[in-house]
């Protein structure tokens, strides 16, 4: 067990997800002795931070754990001396997400917060903020790990890996969620399921599936056809086509529905837009209900309604990773890291999402044993190129890179449409994109 107490800073501490994280630290306190948990937010999030912080303190007190929960708007003081810095922020809040989803839909394209034009806009706003945080870490806690949960997680992680010296690992709850879903499908414990992942965040394929040591890849692909419940809560389960799965030879992640079922998913999104608004507007209502629950002075546990928010297993993933680093476990977890040759068809400095050995030095990718087939490689390389261009656009305010990123993305794929989308997204989010504003002014 780790001997020295820990300081953990959570940037975006006023998030509705924070109680899940606090629950994880409480449950795993013996192996992960967190002495100081600092929740950080911006002035616009002060009210939520105070509500979440009060609940976190009640949870810790009820559990009888000696964890000091601090609330602050001073990011630098939170980072100073931290062992781990977790980022779970949303630049522009849910209002910005609503624009990310609605603007593409207006033009007849998928509107989604992590991929396509919506994810692109979120990345442009987010990367400069993450890099500012990285500069603080480099100055104030150079040995700290940055654990990034902020979407689009793969692109944000790649930016930090390329443009900072911070030890950065990106996390997503999709791999662990898929593992648990497959375990339920076969009637076993999640620990009895081993998955080999090949790809990048939200564009990942399970290329080998073993249950209790037995290779069940072909069997799972047969059983996954139709609607087998293998999806995330925030992604409609339209079912997989049996012939498609057989021809791929691997299980696509939930987000592949936006690529393999583009027309059907667009139709579904437009229908939902008419019935209930964008996903952001739905989440706003869920969050409002959650914060009303959080205000209850008698509430001292994570409420079950939090699962509706779509962040299932967030705590488990984060605490597993931090504990394995802290205790030098050398176990296997699926995270976002620098490629370093693990997937040969992608650049070495790209962010990938694969199984990694986790030890005190961080995460070390394990090259997939299954060859990257053309049906995977083709889509993977195109979307990775989009991600590379998006990073460059965000870091430098480069309109040319931004235009090319949108143009080549499979969910846009049109230069004329990309130009219209780019102009509207830049205008809609101008307050959060000063690099682009300065560049455009310099051209005139």
Protein backbone atom coordinates (compact mmCIF):
# COMPACT_ATOMS: atom_id res chain seq x y z
CA UNK A 1 0.00 0.00 0.00
CA UNK A 2 1.18 3.53 -0.73
CA UNK A 3 2.56 5.15 2.42
CA UNK A 4 2.57 8.84 1.64
CA UNK A 5 -0.69 10.77 1.62
CA UNK A 6 -1.91 12.18 -1.67
CA UNK A 7 -3.03 15.55 -2.93
CA UNK A 8 -5.43 15.37 -5.86
CA UNK A 9 -6.72 18.39 -7.76
CA UNK A 10 -9.90 18.16 -9.83
CA UNK A 11 -10.21 20.90 -12.46
CA UNK A 12 -13.93 21.25 -13.11
CA UNK A 13 -14.75 20.20 -9.57
CA UNK A 14 -18.27 21.60 -9.79
CA UNK A 15 -19.24 18.92 -12.29
CA UNK A 16 -22.22 16.72 -11.53
CA UNK A 17 -19.83 13.77 -11.96
CA UNK A 18 -17.71 14.72 -8.93
CA UNK A 19 -19.74 12.75 -6.33
CA UNK A 20 -18.99 9.59 -8.31
CA UNK A 21 -15.27 10.37 -8.06
CA UNK A 22 -15.52 11.13 -4.35
CA UNK A 23 -17.27 7.81 -3.80
CA UNK A 24 -14.37 6.04 -5.49
CA UNK A 25 -11.76 7.69 -3.29
CA UNK A 26 -13.77 6.78 -0.21
CA UNK A 27 -14.17 3.13 -1.21
CA UNK A 28 -10.49 2.72 -2.10
CA UNK A 29 -9.00 4.82 0.70
CA UNK A 30 -6.91 2.00 2.20
CA UNK A 31 -4.94 1.55 -1.01
CA UNK A 32 -5.13 5.20 -2.05
CA UNK A 33 -4.83 7.44 1.04
CA UNK A 34 -6.04 10.78 -0.31
CA UNK A 35 -5.24 13.43 2.28
CA UNK A 36 -6.32 16.48 0.29
CA UNK A 37 -8.93 16.64 -2.47
CA UNK A 38 -9.08 20.08 -4.06
CA UNK A 39 -12.08 20.88 -6.23
CA UNK A 40 -11.44 23.75 -8.63
CA UNK A 41 -13.81 25.69 -10.84
CA UNK A 42 -14.26 29.05 -12.52
CA UNK A 43 -16.38 31.93 -11.26
CA UNK A 44 -19.32 30.94 -13.49
CA UNK A 45 -19.30 27.55 -11.80
CA UNK A 46 -19.00 28.79 -8.20
CA UNK A 47 -22.61 27.95 -7.26
CA UNK A 48 -22.33 24.37 -8.51
CA UNK A 49 -18.92 23.96 -6.91
CA UNK A 50 -20.27 24.98 -3.52
CA UNK A 51 -23.18 22.54 -3.82
CA UNK A 52 -20.99 19.65 -4.96
CA UNK A 53 -18.31 20.51 -2.43
CA UNK A 54 -20.79 20.45 0.46
CA UNK A 55 -22.06 17.03 -0.68
CA UNK A 56 -18.49 15.75 -1.01
CA UNK A 57 -17.73 16.81 2.56
CA UNK A 58 -20.87 15.09 3.84
CA UNK A 59 -19.92 11.92 1.97
CA UNK A 60 -16.41 11.92 3.47
CA UNK A 61 -17.74 12.63 6.97
CA UNK A 62 -20.33 9.85 6.74
CA UNK A 63 -17.65 7.41 5.58
CA UNK A 64 -15.33 8.45 8.40
CA UNK A 65 -12.35 9.02 6.12
CA UNK A 66 -9.70 11.69 6.87
CA UNK A 67 -9.94 13.33 3.45
CA UNK A 68 -9.83 17.14 3.48
CA UNK A 69 -12.07 18.53 0.75
CA UNK A 70 -11.12 22.04 -0.34
CA UNK A 71 -12.94 24.32 -2.75
CA UNK A 72 -11.19 27.05 -4.70
CA UNK A 73 -11.25 29.28 -7.78
CA UNK A 74 -7.45 29.46 -7.64
CA UNK A 75 -6.27 26.81 -10.05
CA UNK A 76 -2.58 27.39 -9.37
CA UNK A 77 -2.90 26.85 -5.63
CA UNK A 78 -4.80 23.64 -6.32
CA UNK A 79 -2.10 22.36 -8.67
CA UNK A 80 0.77 23.35 -6.35
CA UNK A 81 2.13 20.14 -4.84
CA UNK A 82 -0.54 17.91 -6.39
CA UNK A 83 0.31 14.29 -7.17
CA UNK A 84 -2.51 13.96 -9.70
CA UNK A 85 -4.46 16.61 -11.60
CA UNK A 86 -7.78 15.47 -13.07
CA UNK A 87 -9.46 17.51 -15.80
CA UNK A 88 -13.21 17.21 -16.34
CA UNK A 89 -14.01 20.65 -17.71
CA UNK A 90 -16.39 22.04 -20.33
CA UNK A 91 -15.33 25.32 -21.89
CA UNK A 92 -18.49 27.33 -22.57
CA UNK A 93 -20.60 25.06 -20.37
CA UNK A 94 -23.64 23.21 -21.72
CA UNK A 95 -24.75 26.24 -23.76
CA UNK A 96 -21.68 25.77 -25.94
CA UNK A 97 -22.39 22.06 -26.26
CA UNK A 98 -25.92 22.84 -27.44
CA UNK A 99 -24.44 24.93 -30.25
CA UNK A 100 -21.96 22.18 -31.13
CA UNK A 101 -24.87 19.79 -31.59
CA UNK A 102 -27.42 22.11 -33.20
CA UNK A 103 -25.25 23.87 -35.82
CA UNK A 104 -24.18 20.70 -37.69
CA UNK A 105 -27.76 19.39 -37.59
CA UNK A 106 -28.97 22.61 -39.19
CA UNK A 107 -26.69 21.85 -42.13
CA UNK A 108 -27.72 18.20 -42.35
CA UNK A 109 -24.76 16.65 -40.51
CA UNK A 110 -24.39 14.63 -37.31
CA UNK A 111 -24.30 16.87 -34.24
CA UNK A 112 -22.34 15.13 -31.51
CA UNK A 113 -20.14 16.53 -28.76
CA UNK A 114 -17.07 14.34 -29.30
CA UNK A 115 -16.91 13.61 -33.02
CA UNK A 116 -17.63 15.29 -36.32
CA UNK A 117 -18.17 19.05 -36.45
CA UNK A 118 -19.44 19.19 -32.85
CA UNK A 119 -16.43 17.41 -31.39
CA UNK A 120 -14.19 19.57 -33.58
CA UNK A 121 -15.65 22.77 -32.11
CA UNK A 122 -15.32 21.46 -28.57
CA UNK A 123 -11.68 20.60 -29.20
CA UNK A 124 -10.91 24.10 -30.50
CA UNK A 125 -12.28 25.63 -27.30
CA UNK A 126 -10.76 23.08 -24.95
CA UNK A 127 -7.17 22.53 -26.11
CA UNK A 128 -5.88 26.06 -25.28
CA UNK A 129 -7.32 25.78 -21.75
CA UNK A 130 -5.79 22.33 -21.22
CA UNK A 131 -2.40 23.61 -22.38
CA UNK A 132 -2.66 26.51 -19.93
CA UNK A 133 -3.26 23.94 -17.20
CA UNK A 134 -0.25 21.97 -18.45
CA UNK A 135 1.95 25.06 -18.12
CA UNK A 136 0.83 25.44 -14.51
CA UNK A 137 1.64 21.78 -13.84
CA UNK A 138 5.07 22.11 -15.46
CA UNK A 139 5.85 25.05 -13.17
CA UNK A 140 4.16 24.03 -9.92
CA UNK A 141 4.07 20.20 -9.89
CA UNK A 142 6.34 18.88 -12.65
CA UNK A 143 6.16 15.30 -11.36
CA UNK A 144 2.36 15.19 -11.29
CA UNK A 145 0.26 13.10 -13.66
CA UNK A 146 -2.48 14.76 -15.67
CA UNK A 147 -5.48 12.43 -15.93
CA UNK A 148 -7.71 13.84 -18.65
CA UNK A 149 -11.40 12.97 -18.84
CA UNK A 150 -12.33 16.06 -20.85
CA UNK A 151 -13.84 15.28 -24.25
CA UNK A 152 -12.89 14.82 -26.98
CA UNK A 153 -10.49 12.88 -24.76
CA UNK A 154 -8.19 11.51 -27.45
CA UNK A 155 -7.63 14.86 -29.20
CA UNK A 156 -7.19 16.75 -25.93
CA UNK A 157 -4.72 14.13 -24.70
CA UNK A 158 -2.77 14.31 -27.96
CA UNK A 159 -2.46 18.09 -27.65
CA UNK A 160 -1.06 17.76 -24.12
CA UNK A 161 1.36 15.03 -25.19
CA UNK A 162 2.62 17.07 -28.16
CA UNK A 163 2.72 20.53 -26.65
CA UNK A 164 3.71 19.99 -23.02
CA UNK A 165 6.09 17.96 -20.90
CA UNK A 166 3.35 16.82 -18.53
CA UNK A 167 2.87 13.10 -17.94
CA UNK A 168 -0.59 12.86 -19.50
CA UNK A 169 -2.98 9.92 -19.71
CA UNK A 170 -6.44 10.17 -21.23
CA UNK A 171 -9.39 8.23 -19.84
CA UNK A 172 -12.77 7.15 -21.16
CA UNK A 173 -15.45 5.00 -19.56
CA UNK A 174 -16.33 3.27 -22.84
CA UNK A 175 -13.77 0.40 -22.61
CA UNK A 176 -14.77 -0.58 -19.08
CA UNK A 177 -18.45 -0.18 -19.96
CA UNK A 178 -18.06 -2.50 -22.95
CA UNK A 179 -16.22 -5.04 -20.83
CA UNK A 180 -19.03 -5.08 -18.26
CA UNK A 181 -21.68 -5.37 -20.99
CA UNK A 182 -19.93 -8.36 -22.52
CA UNK A 183 -19.59 -9.93 -19.07
CA UNK A 184 -23.36 -9.64 -18.59
CA UNK A 185 -23.96 -11.11 -22.02
CA UNK A 186 -21.93 -14.21 -21.11
CA UNK A 187 -23.06 -14.36 -17.49
CA UNK A 188 -19.58 -13.95 -15.98
CA UNK A 189 -17.74 -11.39 -13.84
CA UNK A 190 -16.05 -8.51 -15.63
CA UNK A 191 -12.69 -9.77 -14.35
CA UNK A 192 -13.20 -12.89 -16.49
CA UNK A 193 -13.39 -10.85 -19.70
CA UNK A 194 -10.26 -9.81 -21.60
CA UNK A 195 -10.53 -7.42 -24.53
CA UNK A 196 -7.91 -6.30 -27.01
CA UNK A 197 -8.57 -2.77 -28.23
CA UNK A 198 -7.21 -1.25 -31.44
CA UNK A 199 -7.80 2.38 -32.31
CA UNK A 200 -8.28 5.83 -30.88
CA UNK A 201 -10.76 7.34 -28.45
CA UNK A 202 -14.35 6.92 -29.67
CA UNK A 203 -13.08 5.16 -32.81
CA UNK A 204 -11.97 1.87 -31.39
CA UNK A 205 -12.48 -1.77 -32.28
CA UNK A 206 -12.36 -4.81 -30.00
CA UNK A 207 -10.25 -7.14 -32.12
CA UNK A 208 -10.06 -10.05 -29.69
CA UNK A 209 -12.51 -11.12 -26.98
CA UNK A 210 -11.74 -13.78 -24.41
CA UNK A 211 -14.11 -14.99 -21.69
CA UNK A 212 -12.59 -17.12 -18.93
CA UNK A 213 -9.57 -17.59 -21.17
CA UNK A 214 -11.58 -18.80 -24.18
CA UNK A 215 -11.53 -16.85 -27.46
CA UNK A 216 -15.16 -15.94 -28.14
CA UNK A 217 -14.63 -13.23 -30.75
CA UNK A 218 -16.66 -14.91 -33.51
CA UNK A 219 -19.37 -15.96 -31.07
CA UNK A 220 -19.66 -12.43 -29.68
CA UNK A 221 -19.92 -10.92 -33.16
CA UNK A 222 -22.82 -13.27 -33.90
CA UNK A 223 -24.53 -12.46 -30.62
CA UNK A 224 -23.95 -8.71 -31.00
CA UNK A 225 -26.00 -8.56 -34.20
CA UNK A 226 -29.27 -6.74 -33.72
CA UNK A 227 -29.75 -5.00 -30.39
CA UNK A 228 -27.67 -6.71 -27.72
CA UNK A 229 -27.36 -3.73 -25.42
CA UNK A 230 -23.75 -3.08 -26.43
CA UNK A 231 -23.89 0.70 -26.47
CA UNK A 232 -23.42 3.74 -24.27
CA UNK A 233 -26.44 5.31 -22.58
CA UNK A 234 -26.09 8.50 -24.59
CA UNK A 235 -25.95 6.70 -27.97
CA UNK A 236 -29.12 5.21 -29.49
CA UNK A 237 -28.91 1.42 -29.79
CA UNK A 238 -29.99 0.96 -33.39
CA UNK A 239 -28.48 -2.52 -33.48
CA UNK A 240 -25.58 -3.90 -35.49
CA UNK A 241 -26.00 -5.57 -38.86
CA UNK A 242 -24.76 -9.17 -38.78
CA UNK A 243 -23.08 -8.97 -42.18
CA UNK A 244 -21.32 -5.73 -41.23
CA UNK A 245 -19.87 -7.24 -38.04
CA UNK A 246 -18.76 -10.37 -39.86
CA UNK A 247 -17.06 -8.35 -42.60
CA UNK A 248 -15.21 -6.17 -40.09
CA UNK A 249 -14.13 -9.16 -37.99
CA UNK A 250 -14.10 -7.00 -34.86
CA UNK A 251 -16.60 -5.34 -32.54
CA UNK A 252 -16.92 -1.60 -33.25
CA UNK A 253 -17.33 0.72 -30.29
CA UNK A 254 -20.65 2.46 -29.70
CA UNK A 255 -19.56 5.66 -31.44
CA UNK A 256 -19.02 3.79 -34.70
CA UNK A 257 -22.75 3.97 -35.20
CA UNK A 258 -22.22 7.58 -36.29
CA UNK A 259 -19.97 6.30 -39.09
CA UNK A 260 -21.45 2.94 -40.10
CA UNK A 261 -25.07 4.12 -39.71
CA UNK A 262 -24.68 7.77 -40.59
CA UNK A 263 -28.07 8.26 -42.26
CA UNK A 264 -30.00 6.37 -39.59
CA UNK A 265 -28.25 8.20 -36.75
CA UNK A 266 -28.81 11.59 -38.39
CA UNK A 267 -32.50 10.78 -38.79
CA UNK A 268 -32.65 9.75 -35.12
CA UNK A 269 -30.93 12.94 -34.01
CA UNK A 270 -33.26 15.13 -36.04
CA UNK A 271 -36.24 13.32 -34.55
CA UNK A 272 -34.90 13.79 -31.02
CA UNK A 273 -34.20 17.45 -31.78
CA UNK A 274 -37.88 17.97 -32.53
CA UNK A 275 -39.07 15.94 -29.54
CA UNK A 276 -36.69 16.94 -26.75
CA UNK A 277 -34.03 19.26 -28.15
CA UNK A 278 -30.31 18.57 -28.36
CA UNK A 279 -28.60 16.11 -26.03
CA UNK A 280 -27.17 19.15 -24.22
CA UNK A 281 -30.67 20.39 -23.45
CA UNK A 282 -31.62 16.96 -22.11
CA UNK A 283 -28.48 16.92 -19.96
CA UNK A 284 -29.33 20.38 -18.62
CA UNK A 285 -32.59 19.02 -17.25
CA UNK A 286 -30.88 15.97 -15.75
CA UNK A 287 -28.23 18.17 -14.15
CA UNK A 288 -30.83 20.56 -12.72
CA UNK A 289 -32.53 17.60 -11.04
CA UNK A 290 -29.21 16.27 -9.77
CA UNK A 291 -28.19 19.58 -8.21
CA UNK A 292 -31.53 19.83 -6.47
CA UNK A 293 -30.77 16.43 -4.94
CA UNK A 294 -27.21 17.49 -4.09
CA UNK A 295 -28.56 20.47 -2.11
CA UNK A 296 -30.31 18.19 0.39
CA UNK A 297 -28.34 18.53 3.66
CA UNK A 298 -29.37 14.99 4.58
CA UNK A 299 -27.85 13.49 1.41
CA UNK A 300 -24.43 12.00 2.16
CA UNK A 301 -24.02 9.41 -0.61
CA UNK A 302 -23.89 9.48 -4.38
CA UNK A 303 -27.52 9.44 -5.56
CA UNK A 304 -28.48 6.64 -8.00
CA UNK A 305 -29.96 9.23 -10.39
CA UNK A 306 -26.41 10.22 -11.36
CA UNK A 307 -26.29 7.18 -13.64
CA UNK A 308 -28.74 8.94 -15.96
CA UNK A 309 -26.02 11.50 -16.70
CA UNK A 310 -24.13 9.01 -18.86
CA UNK A 311 -20.89 8.78 -16.91
CA UNK A 312 -21.17 5.26 -15.55
CA UNK A 313 -17.93 3.77 -14.16
CA UNK A 314 -16.14 7.15 -14.26
CA UNK A 315 -15.01 6.71 -10.67
CA UNK A 316 -13.90 3.12 -11.18
CA UNK A 317 -11.78 3.98 -14.20
CA UNK A 318 -10.13 7.01 -12.59
CA UNK A 319 -9.43 5.40 -9.24
CA UNK A 320 -8.15 2.18 -10.86
CA UNK A 321 -5.62 4.16 -12.87
CA UNK A 322 -4.46 6.39 -10.03
CA UNK A 323 -4.13 3.43 -7.66
CA UNK A 324 -2.14 1.39 -10.18
CA UNK A 325 0.29 4.24 -10.73
CA UNK A 326 0.60 5.00 -7.03
CA UNK A 327 1.07 1.35 -6.07
CA UNK A 328 3.16 0.33 -9.11
CA UNK A 329 0.72 -2.48 -9.92
CA UNK A 330 1.83 -3.31 -13.46
CA UNK A 331 -1.69 -4.35 -14.40
CA UNK A 332 -3.48 -3.86 -17.73
CA UNK A 333 -5.90 -1.00 -18.35
CA UNK A 334 -7.25 0.60 -21.52
CA UNK A 335 -6.24 4.26 -21.70
CA UNK A 336 -5.19 7.01 -24.11
CA UNK A 337 -1.43 7.35 -24.48
CA UNK A 338 1.30 8.27 -26.96
CA UNK A 339 1.45 5.64 -29.69
CA UNK A 340 5.22 5.12 -29.80
CA UNK A 341 4.92 2.47 -32.52
CA UNK A 342 2.24 0.34 -30.84
CA UNK A 343 -0.08 0.83 -33.84
CA UNK A 344 2.29 0.94 -36.78
CA UNK A 345 -0.07 2.56 -39.25
CA UNK A 346 -0.38 5.69 -37.08
CA UNK A 347 2.26 8.35 -36.26
CA UNK A 348 4.43 7.67 -33.23
CA UNK A 349 3.35 10.92 -31.56
CA UNK A 350 -0.38 10.28 -32.03
CA UNK A 351 -2.68 9.56 -29.12
CA UNK A 352 -4.12 6.04 -29.26
CA UNK A 353 -6.47 4.06 -27.02
CA UNK A 354 -5.14 0.57 -26.34
CA UNK A 355 -4.38 -1.80 -23.49
CA UNK A 356 -1.46 -0.51 -21.45
CA UNK A 357 0.71 -1.75 -18.59
CA UNK A 358 0.24 0.68 -15.70
CA UNK A 359 3.11 1.20 -13.28
CA UNK A 360 4.68 3.99 -11.24
CA UNK A 361 6.04 5.62 -14.39
CA UNK A 362 2.63 5.78 -16.08
CA UNK A 363 1.02 3.89 -18.96
CA UNK A 364 2.96 1.82 -21.49
CA UNK A 365 1.05 0.69 -24.60
CA UNK A 366 0.88 -2.99 -25.48
CA UNK A 367 0.96 -3.46 -29.27
CA UNK A 368 -2.23 -5.27 -30.37
CA UNK A 369 -1.58 -8.88 -31.33
CA UNK A 370 -4.23 -8.73 -34.06
CA UNK A 371 -3.12 -7.16 -37.36
CA UNK A 372 -4.76 -3.87 -38.30
CA UNK A 373 -6.86 -4.88 -41.29
CA UNK A 374 -7.67 -2.52 -44.19
CA UNK A 375 -11.28 -2.18 -43.07
CA UNK A 376 -10.03 -0.78 -39.75
CA UNK A 377 -6.93 0.98 -41.03
CA UNK A 378 -8.76 3.04 -43.65
CA UNK A 379 -11.16 4.76 -41.28
CA UNK A 380 -8.61 4.94 -38.48
CA UNK A 381 -6.01 6.81 -40.50
CA UNK A 382 -8.48 9.33 -41.90
CA UNK A 383 -9.96 10.19 -38.50
CA UNK A 384 -6.51 10.36 -36.93
CA UNK A 385 -5.45 12.82 -39.64
CA UNK A 386 -8.53 14.88 -38.77
CA UNK A 387 -7.43 14.81 -35.11
CA UNK A 388 -3.89 15.89 -35.95
CA UNK A 389 -5.20 18.82 -37.99
CA UNK A 390 -7.63 19.78 -35.23
CA UNK A 391 -4.81 19.93 -32.68
CA UNK A 392 -2.79 22.19 -34.97
CA UNK A 393 -5.81 24.38 -35.65
CA UNK A 394 -6.55 24.77 -31.93
CA UNK A 395 -2.97 25.44 -30.88
CA UNK A 396 -2.13 27.96 -33.61
CA UNK A 397 -5.51 29.39 -34.59
CA UNK A 398 -4.84 27.92 -38.03
CA UNK A 399 -7.91 28.29 -40.23
CA UNK A 400 -6.38 26.24 -43.05
CA UNK A 401 -5.81 23.29 -40.72
CA UNK A 402 -9.32 23.73 -39.33
CA UNK A 403 -10.88 23.73 -42.80
CA UNK A 404 -8.98 20.62 -43.83
CA UNK A 405 -9.88 18.86 -40.57
CA UNK A 406 -13.58 19.31 -41.20
CA UNK A 407 -13.30 18.59 -44.92
CA UNK A 408 -11.71 15.16 -44.48
CA UNK A 409 -13.83 14.04 -41.53
CA UNK A 410 -16.15 11.22 -42.65
CA UNK A 411 -19.13 12.91 -40.98
CA UNK A 412 -18.65 16.04 -43.12
CA UNK A 413 -16.61 15.16 -46.21
CA UNK A 414 -17.39 18.25 -48.28
CA UNK A 415 -15.19 21.31 -48.71
CA UNK A 416 -18.13 23.65 -49.30
CA UNK A 417 -20.03 22.31 -46.30
CA UNK A 418 -16.89 22.38 -44.16
CA UNK A 419 -16.38 26.07 -44.96
CA UNK A 420 -19.95 26.94 -43.95
CA UNK A 421 -19.72 24.90 -40.77
CA UNK A 422 -16.34 26.39 -39.87
CA UNK A 423 -17.53 29.97 -40.36
CA UNK A 424 -20.62 29.42 -38.25
CA UNK A 425 -18.84 27.53 -35.48
CA UNK A 426 -16.07 30.13 -35.25
CA UNK A 427 -18.64 32.88 -35.02
CA UNK A 428 -20.78 31.04 -32.48
CA UNK A 429 -17.79 30.39 -30.20
CA UNK A 430 -15.75 33.54 -30.92
CA UNK A 431 -15.52 34.42 -27.22
CA UNK A 432 -13.62 31.17 -26.57
CA UNK A 433 -11.42 31.23 -29.68
CA UNK A 434 -9.14 34.29 -29.38
CA UNK A 435 -6.38 32.67 -31.45
CA UNK A 436 -8.64 32.55 -34.49
CA UNK A 437 -9.87 36.10 -33.98
CA UNK A 438 -6.33 37.46 -33.82
CA UNK A 439 -5.32 35.49 -36.92
CA UNK A 440 -8.30 36.70 -38.91
CA UNK A 441 -7.65 40.30 -37.88
CA UNK A 442 -4.04 39.87 -38.99
CA UNK A 443 -5.17 38.84 -42.46
CA UNK A 444 -7.32 41.89 -43.07
